[in-house]
Amino acid sequence: MSITGLDATTVTALRAQLTAAVDGLAPELLELSHAIGADPELAFDEHRAATRVAAVLGRHGFEVEVGAFGLPTAVAATYGDGEVTVAVVGEYDALPEVGHGCGHNLIAAAGVGAAVALAAVADRLGIRVRFLGTPAEELGGGKIVMLEAGAWNDATFSLMVHGGMAEQYSAVGLTTQAFERVVARFTGVAAHAAAAPHDGINAADAVTLAQVAIGLARQQLRAGTVVSSFVEEAGRATNIIPALGVLQVEMRAVDRAEWDRARAKVRDCLEAAALATGCTLEIELPEPPYDVLAQHEPLARLWDDELVARGYDVLSHHEMAAGSTDMANVSRYLPSIHPMIALRGSDAVPHTAGYAAAASSPAGDGAVVDGAIALALTAARAAADPALRAELLAAQAVRAPYPAVSPVAE
């Protein structure tokens, strides 16, 4: 046996058992996916989705808690008591206006399917199956909040699947951009723009200077580093010098050092604008920053292997970056994968109404079933392989609890 596989007989037996388990669950999983997809709820308000997820897991023998780790819409469900804890992750928040335009309904259903299928082999493999339903991936960093509350402290490894586009790319090397959003509040002094402009301190000027400075700073950023912004508040009448200006800025990059450099530059620009205008500056972080995703290569190769077995043409790529996710922070704490699964036959683009429809179409349904099977087999093969199991347990044994409390303001 090797770190990336078992003998053919063992793999064939696992594949048959877990495939049959998911196939038997398929009607229930697709009903769950379609129900969540038709009833979108935004970050930290996914009450009906969390209840639906919990109900399916409860029916299949899991001990379920809704409202776990201090979050009303977080779900923690557990089955078994083996020495290896497999943390299967689901998410179910929607996007404003377009609903499930990122396909979180299929993510939730595939994760539930994988967890329930793994429960069928939990005793045989000596594993404890843990399903973590995580709120607010789109905006809020629910996984990071849960990390800080200890949700992954007792996990050996973690995995989830995200919907992709029409082509299937390898999980190996697939990464995401680090992401941080800041809200800069400039406070000045209001005054009548005609009668007493000299008495005012113009917060809109601070916003303008900050925008210009950030725009000029982009020239010195490396390719692939993204800084974007929008003005939330900069006055409401032409004859009033505004006392409040609010600017939102986000910074993204695949390279963590370049990301830190961009974050420092943006803060310099904001502080310079405040200094030049005489405004005071407060910087708020609406959510904790998202890190760069780190795929665990042995687990990623098992995932790819299982998709090939399902008939997918898995394409290679060089360090492909796909958006940003709070699962990246999980991946920096323990061995994890966050692969994409193709919606075969669909040309829908994520974060659109078209993708929301595709996620509940036959293409999305196929991704739910195939994703659940591939997740379950990836986890089962890792737990059944003596070398990989030992490696994962050894890493868990020396890992400290996740540090509590990320900064939310400066």
Protein backbone atom coordinates (compact mmCIF):
# COMPACT_ATOMS: atom_id res chain seq x y z
CA MET A 1 0.00 0.00 0.00
CA SER A 2 1.13 3.57 -0.71
CA ILE A 3 0.28 6.98 0.69
CA THR A 4 -2.03 7.70 -2.24
CA GLY A 5 -3.82 4.42 -2.65
CA LEU A 6 -4.78 0.96 -1.42
CA ASP A 7 -4.72 -2.37 -3.21
CA ALA A 8 -7.23 -2.60 -6.03
CA THR A 9 -9.53 -5.02 -4.20
CA THR A 10 -9.92 -2.72 -1.19
CA VAL A 11 -10.53 0.34 -3.36
CA THR A 12 -13.11 -1.52 -5.43
CA ALA A 13 -14.96 -2.68 -2.32
CA LEU A 14 -15.00 0.82 -0.78
CA ARG A 15 -16.09 2.34 -4.05
CA ALA A 16 -18.99 -0.09 -4.41
CA GLN A 17 -20.20 0.34 -0.84
CA LEU A 18 -20.04 4.13 -0.70
CA THR A 19 -21.40 4.60 -4.20
CA ALA A 20 -24.39 2.44 -3.32
CA ALA A 21 -24.91 4.41 -0.12
CA VAL A 22 -25.00 7.76 -1.94
CA ASP A 23 -27.13 6.41 -4.76
CA GLY A 24 -29.64 5.25 -2.17
CA LEU A 25 -29.64 8.72 -0.61
CA ALA A 26 -29.87 10.57 -3.92
CA PRO A 27 -33.61 11.41 -3.83
CA GLU A 28 -33.21 12.84 -0.32
CA LEU A 29 -30.07 14.78 -1.24
CA LEU A 30 -31.60 16.30 -4.36
CA GLU A 31 -34.73 17.25 -2.45
CA LEU A 32 -32.49 19.02 0.09
CA SER A 33 -30.50 20.78 -2.65
CA HIS A 34 -33.61 21.99 -4.46
CA ALA A 35 -35.31 23.15 -1.25
CA ILE A 36 -32.31 25.23 -0.21
CA GLY A 37 -31.86 26.51 -3.76
CA ALA A 38 -35.47 27.66 -3.97
CA ASP A 39 -35.36 29.39 -0.58
CA PRO A 40 -32.21 31.55 -0.47
CA GLU A 41 -31.13 33.09 2.82
CA LEU A 42 -28.28 35.53 3.36
CA ALA A 43 -25.25 35.39 5.63
CA PHE A 44 -25.90 34.44 9.27
CA ASP A 45 -29.64 34.22 8.55
CA GLU A 46 -29.77 30.72 6.99
CA HIS A 47 -32.24 29.36 9.56
CA ARG A 48 -34.37 27.27 7.22
CA ALA A 49 -31.36 25.84 5.40
CA ALA A 50 -29.69 24.88 8.67
CA THR A 51 -32.90 23.22 9.87
CA ARG A 52 -33.23 21.25 6.64
CA VAL A 53 -29.62 20.07 6.77
CA ALA A 54 -29.97 19.07 10.43
CA ALA A 55 -33.16 17.13 9.75
CA VAL A 56 -31.54 14.90 7.12
CA LEU A 57 -28.52 14.17 9.32
CA GLY A 58 -30.74 13.47 12.32
CA ARG A 59 -32.79 10.96 10.34
CA HIS A 60 -29.60 9.03 9.62
CA GLY A 61 -28.42 8.64 13.17
CA PHE A 62 -26.22 11.69 13.69
CA GLU A 63 -26.20 13.61 16.94
CA VAL A 64 -27.09 17.08 15.70
CA GLU A 65 -26.75 20.55 17.17
CA VAL A 66 -28.18 23.61 15.43
CA GLY A 67 -26.73 26.84 16.77
CA ALA A 68 -23.30 25.33 17.35
CA PHE A 69 -20.21 27.33 18.33
CA GLY A 70 -22.22 30.41 19.20
CA LEU A 71 -23.71 30.87 15.73
CA PRO A 72 -27.48 30.36 15.43
CA THR A 73 -27.23 28.93 11.89
CA ALA A 74 -24.15 26.74 12.36
CA VAL A 75 -24.71 22.98 12.39
CA ALA A 76 -22.52 20.37 14.08
CA ALA A 77 -23.46 16.72 13.58
CA THR A 78 -21.46 13.70 14.77
CA TYR A 79 -21.49 9.96 14.14
CA GLY A 80 -19.12 7.33 15.52
CA ASP A 81 -16.17 7.46 17.89
CA GLY A 82 -13.08 6.38 15.93
CA GLU A 83 -9.63 7.87 16.44
CA VAL A 84 -9.71 9.66 13.07
CA THR A 85 -12.20 12.52 12.88
CA VAL A 86 -13.25 13.41 9.35
CA ALA A 87 -14.76 16.92 9.21
CA VAL A 88 -17.04 17.20 6.18
CA VAL A 89 -18.01 20.82 5.51
CA GLY A 90 -21.16 22.32 4.04
CA GLU A 91 -22.26 25.89 3.44
CA TYR A 92 -25.67 27.25 2.51
CA ASP A 93 -25.75 31.06 2.43
CA ALA A 94 -26.94 32.82 -0.71
CA LEU A 95 -25.94 35.97 -2.57
CA PRO A 96 -28.00 39.17 -2.45
CA GLU A 97 -30.31 39.56 -5.46
CA VAL A 98 -29.19 36.42 -7.36
CA GLY A 99 -29.94 33.81 -4.69
CA HIS A 100 -27.79 30.68 -4.85
CA GLY A 101 -25.63 32.02 -7.66
CA CYS A 102 -22.62 30.27 -6.14
CA GLY A 103 -24.38 26.92 -5.78
CA HIS A 104 -24.19 26.59 -2.02
CA ASN A 105 -27.31 24.43 -2.11
CA LEU A 106 -25.38 21.72 -3.94
CA ILE A 107 -22.42 22.17 -1.57
CA ALA A 108 -24.67 21.52 1.41
CA ALA A 109 -26.35 18.49 -0.16
CA ALA A 110 -23.08 16.92 -1.35
CA GLY A 111 -21.54 17.38 2.09
CA VAL A 112 -24.53 15.82 3.82
CA GLY A 113 -24.45 12.92 1.38
CA ALA A 114 -20.75 12.29 1.98
CA ALA A 115 -21.19 12.41 5.76
CA VAL A 116 -24.12 10.00 5.79
CA ALA A 117 -22.32 7.60 3.44
CA LEU A 118 -19.20 7.67 5.63
CA ALA A 119 -21.32 6.82 8.66
CA ALA A 120 -22.04 3.47 7.01
CA VAL A 121 -18.33 2.57 7.15
CA ALA A 122 -17.40 4.46 10.32
CA ASP A 123 -16.99 1.40 12.53
CA ARG A 124 -15.10 -0.55 9.87
CA LEU A 125 -12.64 2.29 9.27
CA GLY A 126 -12.35 3.48 12.86
CA ILE A 127 -13.50 7.00 12.07
CA ARG A 128 -15.66 9.63 13.69
CA VAL A 129 -17.70 11.53 11.10
CA ARG A 130 -18.27 15.21 11.79
CA PHE A 131 -20.45 17.39 9.57
CA LEU A 132 -19.98 21.13 10.01
CA GLY A 133 -22.61 23.37 8.47
CA THR A 134 -21.00 26.78 8.13
CA PRO A 135 -22.88 30.06 7.66
CA ALA A 136 -21.83 33.24 5.89
CA GLU A 137 -19.15 32.15 3.43
CA GLU A 138 -20.11 34.86 0.96
CA LEU A 139 -19.87 37.68 3.45
CA GLY A 140 -18.97 37.22 7.08
CA GLY A 141 -16.37 34.46 7.36
CA GLY A 142 -18.49 31.98 9.29
CA LYS A 143 -15.81 29.28 9.13
CA ILE A 144 -13.27 31.61 10.69
CA VAL A 145 -15.65 32.40 13.54
CA MET A 146 -16.16 28.66 14.01
CA LEU A 147 -12.41 28.00 13.84
CA GLU A 148 -11.89 30.47 16.65
CA ALA A 149 -14.59 28.70 18.66
CA GLY A 150 -12.77 25.37 18.28
CA ALA A 151 -14.90 23.70 15.60
CA TRP A 152 -11.91 21.98 13.94
CA ASN A 153 -9.73 21.50 17.03
CA ASP A 154 -10.51 17.78 17.26
CA ALA A 155 -10.57 17.09 13.50
CA THR A 156 -7.92 15.00 11.75
CA PHE A 157 -8.63 16.36 8.28
CA SER A 158 -11.39 18.29 6.55
CA LEU A 159 -12.94 18.40 3.11
CA MET A 160 -15.74 19.97 1.09
CA VAL A 161 -16.65 20.44 -2.55
CA HIS A 162 -17.69 23.57 -4.44
CA GLY A 163 -19.55 23.78 -7.70
CA GLY A 164 -17.43 24.69 -10.72
CA MET A 165 -18.13 25.41 -14.37
CA ALA A 166 -18.37 23.07 -17.36
CA GLU A 167 -14.82 21.68 -17.23
CA GLN A 168 -13.32 19.64 -14.41
CA TYR A 169 -9.96 20.83 -13.08
CA SER A 170 -7.61 18.97 -10.80
CA ALA A 171 -7.75 19.78 -7.10
CA VAL A 172 -3.94 19.69 -7.00
CA GLY A 173 -2.65 23.25 -7.22
CA LEU A 174 -6.13 24.77 -7.18
CA THR A 175 -5.93 27.74 -4.87
CA THR A 176 -7.86 30.90 -4.01
CA GLN A 177 -7.07 34.54 -3.43
CA ALA A 178 -6.59 35.93 0.04
CA PHE A 179 -9.23 38.56 0.72
CA GLU A 180 -9.69 41.44 3.10
CA ARG A 181 -12.36 44.15 3.09
CA VAL A 182 -12.02 47.34 5.09
CA VAL A 183 -14.54 50.08 5.75
CA ALA A 184 -12.81 53.43 6.17
CA ARG A 185 -14.81 56.09 8.02
CA PHE A 186 -13.51 59.63 7.70
CA THR A 187 -14.98 62.08 10.18
CA GLY A 188 -14.71 65.83 9.63
CA VAL A 189 -16.81 68.85 10.55
CA ALA A 190 -20.01 69.85 8.78
CA ALA A 191 -20.41 73.43 7.60
CA HIS A 192 -22.45 75.51 5.16
CA ALA A 193 -20.65 75.28 1.84
CA ALA A 194 -21.53 78.85 0.84
CA ALA A 195 -21.70 80.78 4.11
CA ALA A 196 -18.86 79.22 6.12
CA PRO A 197 -16.79 76.72 4.15
CA HIS A 198 -13.74 77.71 6.19
CA ASP A 199 -15.38 76.21 9.29
CA GLY A 200 -15.71 72.78 7.72
CA ILE A 201 -13.47 69.74 7.49
CA ASN A 202 -14.58 67.94 4.35
CA ALA A 203 -14.86 64.16 4.74
CA ALA A 204 -15.76 63.82 1.06
CA ASP A 205 -12.37 65.30 0.19
CA ALA A 206 -10.74 62.58 2.28
CA VAL A 207 -12.65 59.93 0.34
CA THR A 208 -11.60 61.50 -2.96
CA LEU A 209 -7.95 61.72 -1.97
CA ALA A 210 -7.99 58.13 -0.75
CA GLN A 211 -9.50 56.95 -4.05
CA VAL A 212 -6.89 58.84 -6.07
CA ALA A 213 -4.02 57.57 -3.91
CA ILE A 214 -5.23 53.96 -4.15
CA GLY A 215 -5.63 54.30 -7.90
CA LEU A 216 -2.06 55.55 -8.28
CA ALA A 217 -0.72 52.86 -5.94
CA ARG A 218 -2.13 50.13 -8.20
CA GLN A 219 0.69 50.83 -10.67
CA GLN A 220 3.20 49.46 -8.18
CA LEU A 221 1.25 46.27 -7.36
CA ARG A 222 2.25 42.98 -8.95
CA ALA A 223 0.00 41.36 -11.55
CA GLY A 224 -2.70 39.30 -9.89
CA THR A 225 -3.10 41.64 -6.93
CA VAL A 226 -6.55 43.23 -6.98
CA VAL A 227 -7.63 46.36 -5.11
CA SER A 228 -11.16 47.63 -5.65
CA SER A 229 -13.34 50.12 -3.83
CA PHE A 230 -16.61 51.95 -3.76
CA VAL A 231 -17.92 55.07 -2.02
CA GLU A 232 -20.63 54.30 0.49
CA GLU A 233 -21.10 57.84 1.84
CA ALA A 234 -19.69 61.21 0.77
CA GLY A 235 -22.29 63.86 1.45
CA ARG A 236 -25.96 64.36 0.71
CA ALA A 237 -26.36 67.95 -0.40
CA THR A 238 -24.27 70.36 -2.46
CA ASN A 239 -24.56 73.16 0.08
CA ILE A 240 -23.28 71.12 3.05
CA ILE A 241 -19.68 70.21 3.62
CA PRO A 242 -20.06 66.61 4.79
CA ALA A 243 -18.80 65.49 8.17
CA LEU A 244 -18.83 61.80 7.20
CA GLY A 245 -17.21 59.94 4.34
CA VAL A 246 -17.24 56.15 4.07
CA LEU A 247 -15.12 54.17 1.63
CA GLN A 248 -15.05 50.40 1.29
CA VAL A 249 -11.90 48.78 -0.10
CA GLU A 250 -11.01 45.15 -0.72
CA MET A 251 -7.62 43.60 -1.39
CA ARG A 252 -7.09 40.20 -3.01
CA ALA A 253 -3.98 38.25 -4.03
CA VAL A 254 -2.81 34.66 -4.39
CA ASP A 255 0.64 35.51 -3.01
CA ARG A 256 0.36 36.13 0.72
CA ALA A 257 3.35 38.49 0.83
CA GLU A 258 1.93 40.60 -2.00
CA TRP A 259 -1.42 40.61 -0.26
CA ASP A 260 0.18 41.96 2.91
CA ARG A 261 1.97 44.58 0.82
CA ALA A 262 -1.30 45.69 -0.79
CA ARG A 263 -3.01 45.85 2.58
CA ALA A 264 -0.24 48.07 3.94
CA LYS A 265 -0.37 50.36 0.88
CA VAL A 266 -4.13 50.79 1.19
CA ARG A 267 -3.84 51.72 4.84
CA ASP A 268 -1.12 54.24 4.01
CA CYS A 269 -3.40 55.81 1.40
CA LEU A 270 -6.28 56.05 3.84
CA GLU A 271 -4.13 57.55 6.58
CA ALA A 272 -2.57 60.04 4.16
CA ALA A 273 -6.04 61.20 3.04
CA ALA A 274 -7.09 61.71 6.64
CA LEU A 275 -3.91 63.65 7.42
CA ALA A 276 -4.21 65.88 4.35
CA THR A 277 -7.79 66.87 5.09
CA GLY A 278 -7.68 66.99 8.88
CA CYS A 279 -10.25 64.22 9.24
CA THR A 280 -10.08 61.47 11.77
CA LEU A 281 -10.00 57.91 10.42
CA GLU A 282 -11.51 54.71 11.73
CA ILE A 283 -10.96 51.41 9.90
CA GLU A 284 -13.40 48.57 10.46
CA LEU A 285 -13.20 44.95 9.26
CA PRO A 286 -16.75 43.68 8.56
CA GLU A 287 -15.43 40.12 8.49
CA PRO A 288 -12.10 38.50 9.31
CA PRO A 289 -9.66 38.27 6.38
CA TYR A 290 -9.73 35.14 4.19
CA ASP A 291 -6.39 33.41 3.66
CA VAL A 292 -4.94 31.66 0.57
CA LEU A 293 -6.26 28.12 0.11
CA ALA A 294 -3.73 25.30 0.67
CA GLN A 295 -4.87 21.99 -0.80
CA HIS A 296 -3.47 18.90 0.95
CA GLU A 297 -1.86 17.13 -2.01
CA PRO A 298 -2.39 13.46 -1.02
CA LEU A 299 -6.08 14.11 -0.35
CA ALA A 300 -6.37 16.16 -3.54
CA ARG A 301 -4.91 13.31 -5.59
CA LEU A 302 -7.39 10.87 -4.08
CA TRP A 303 -10.22 13.26 -5.01
CA ASP A 304 -8.97 13.53 -8.60
CA ASP A 305 -8.68 9.74 -8.79
CA GLU A 306 -12.29 9.31 -7.73
CA LEU A 307 -13.57 11.80 -10.29
CA VAL A 308 -11.69 9.94 -13.01
CA ALA A 309 -13.42 6.78 -11.78
CA ARG A 310 -16.76 8.63 -12.16
CA GLY A 311 -15.95 9.39 -15.79
CA TYR A 312 -14.70 12.97 -15.46
CA ASP A 313 -11.92 14.27 -17.68
CA VAL A 314 -9.75 15.93 -15.03
CA LEU A 315 -7.70 18.76 -16.54
CA SER A 316 -4.42 19.93 -15.08
CA HIS A 317 -3.56 23.57 -14.54
CA HIS A 318 -0.82 25.69 -13.05
CA GLU A 319 -1.79 27.22 -9.70
CA MET A 320 -5.31 28.07 -10.77
CA ALA A 321 -6.94 30.62 -8.46
CA ALA A 322 -10.70 30.63 -8.01
CA GLY A 323 -12.17 33.55 -6.05
CA SER A 324 -11.85 33.62 -2.27
CA THR A 325 -13.18 31.41 0.50
CA ASP A 326 -13.07 31.19 4.28
CA MET A 327 -12.31 27.48 3.86
CA ALA A 328 -8.80 28.72 3.10
CA ASN A 329 -8.35 29.57 6.77
CA VAL A 330 -9.40 26.04 7.68
CA SER A 331 -6.86 24.66 5.19
CA ARG A 332 -4.09 26.63 6.88
CA TYR A 333 -4.93 24.99 10.20
CA LEU A 334 -5.29 21.31 9.28
CA PRO A 335 -5.01 19.07 6.19
CA SER A 336 -7.94 19.99 3.95
CA ILE A 337 -9.23 20.06 0.40
CA HIS A 338 -11.70 22.40 -1.26
CA PRO A 339 -11.98 21.12 -4.85
CA MET A 340 -14.41 22.24 -7.54
CA ILE A 341 -16.78 19.87 -9.30
CA ALA A 342 -17.92 20.58 -12.83
CA LEU A 343 -21.55 21.19 -13.73
CA ARG A 344 -21.23 19.15 -16.89
CA GLY A 345 -23.32 20.39 -19.77
CA SER A 346 -23.86 23.82 -18.24
CA ASP A 347 -22.28 27.07 -19.44
CA ALA A 348 -23.45 29.08 -16.43
CA VAL A 349 -21.04 31.52 -14.80
CA PRO A 350 -20.86 31.66 -10.97
CA HIS A 351 -22.41 34.57 -9.10
CA THR A 352 -25.22 34.94 -11.61
CA ALA A 353 -28.90 34.05 -11.66
CA GLY A 354 -28.07 31.57 -14.41
CA TYR A 355 -25.75 29.67 -12.09
CA ALA A 356 -28.43 29.60 -9.39
CA ALA A 357 -30.72 27.88 -11.89
CA ALA A 358 -27.98 25.49 -13.02
CA ALA A 359 -27.20 24.47 -9.44
CA SER A 360 -30.71 23.00 -9.17
CA SER A 361 -30.78 21.60 -12.72
CA PRO A 362 -29.80 18.08 -13.83
CA ALA A 363 -26.21 19.36 -14.14
CA GLY A 364 -26.29 20.49 -10.53
CA ASP A 365 -27.94 17.27 -9.43
CA GLY A 366 -25.14 15.29 -11.04
CA ALA A 367 -22.59 17.38 -9.17
CA VAL A 368 -24.38 16.68 -5.87
CA VAL A 369 -24.29 12.91 -6.31
CA ASP A 370 -20.81 12.71 -7.84
CA GLY A 371 -19.44 15.20 -5.32
CA ALA A 372 -20.84 13.23 -2.38
CA ILE A 373 -19.41 9.96 -3.70
CA ALA A 374 -15.98 11.46 -4.40
CA LEU A 375 -15.81 13.19 -1.01
CA ALA A 376 -16.82 10.03 0.83
CA LEU A 377 -14.31 7.89 -1.05
CA THR A 378 -11.51 10.40 -0.61
CA ALA A 379 -12.07 10.39 3.15
CA ALA A 380 -12.53 6.62 3.38
CA ARG A 381 -9.40 5.84 1.36
CA ALA A 382 -7.34 8.26 3.45
CA ALA A 383 -8.57 6.67 6.67
CA ALA A 384 -8.01 3.13 5.34
CA ASP A 385 -4.48 3.74 4.09
CA PRO A 386 -2.09 2.99 7.00
CA ALA A 387 0.63 5.39 5.84
CA LEU A 388 -1.63 8.34 5.13
CA ARG A 389 -3.69 7.70 8.25
CA ALA A 390 -0.55 7.69 10.39
CA GLU A 391 0.69 10.91 8.77
CA LEU A 392 -2.61 12.69 9.36
CA LEU A 393 -2.87 11.52 12.96
CA ALA A 394 0.72 12.56 13.66
CA ALA A 395 0.01 16.06 12.36
CA GLN A 396 -3.11 16.25 14.52
CA ALA A 397 -1.20 15.18 17.63
CA VAL A 398 1.17 18.16 17.48
CA ARG A 399 -1.36 20.76 16.36
CA ALA A 400 -2.29 23.37 18.97
CA PRO A 401 -5.88 24.60 19.41
CA TYR A 402 -6.81 27.31 16.93
CA PRO A 403 -6.11 30.80 18.32
CA ALA A 404 -9.29 32.55 19.41
CA VAL A 405 -10.58 35.90 18.17
CA SER A 406 -9.57 37.56 14.93
CA PRO A 407 -9.30 41.35 14.85
CA VAL A 408 -12.48 43.01 13.59
CA ALA A 409 -11.47 46.66 13.86
CA GLU A 410 -8.40 48.87 13.89
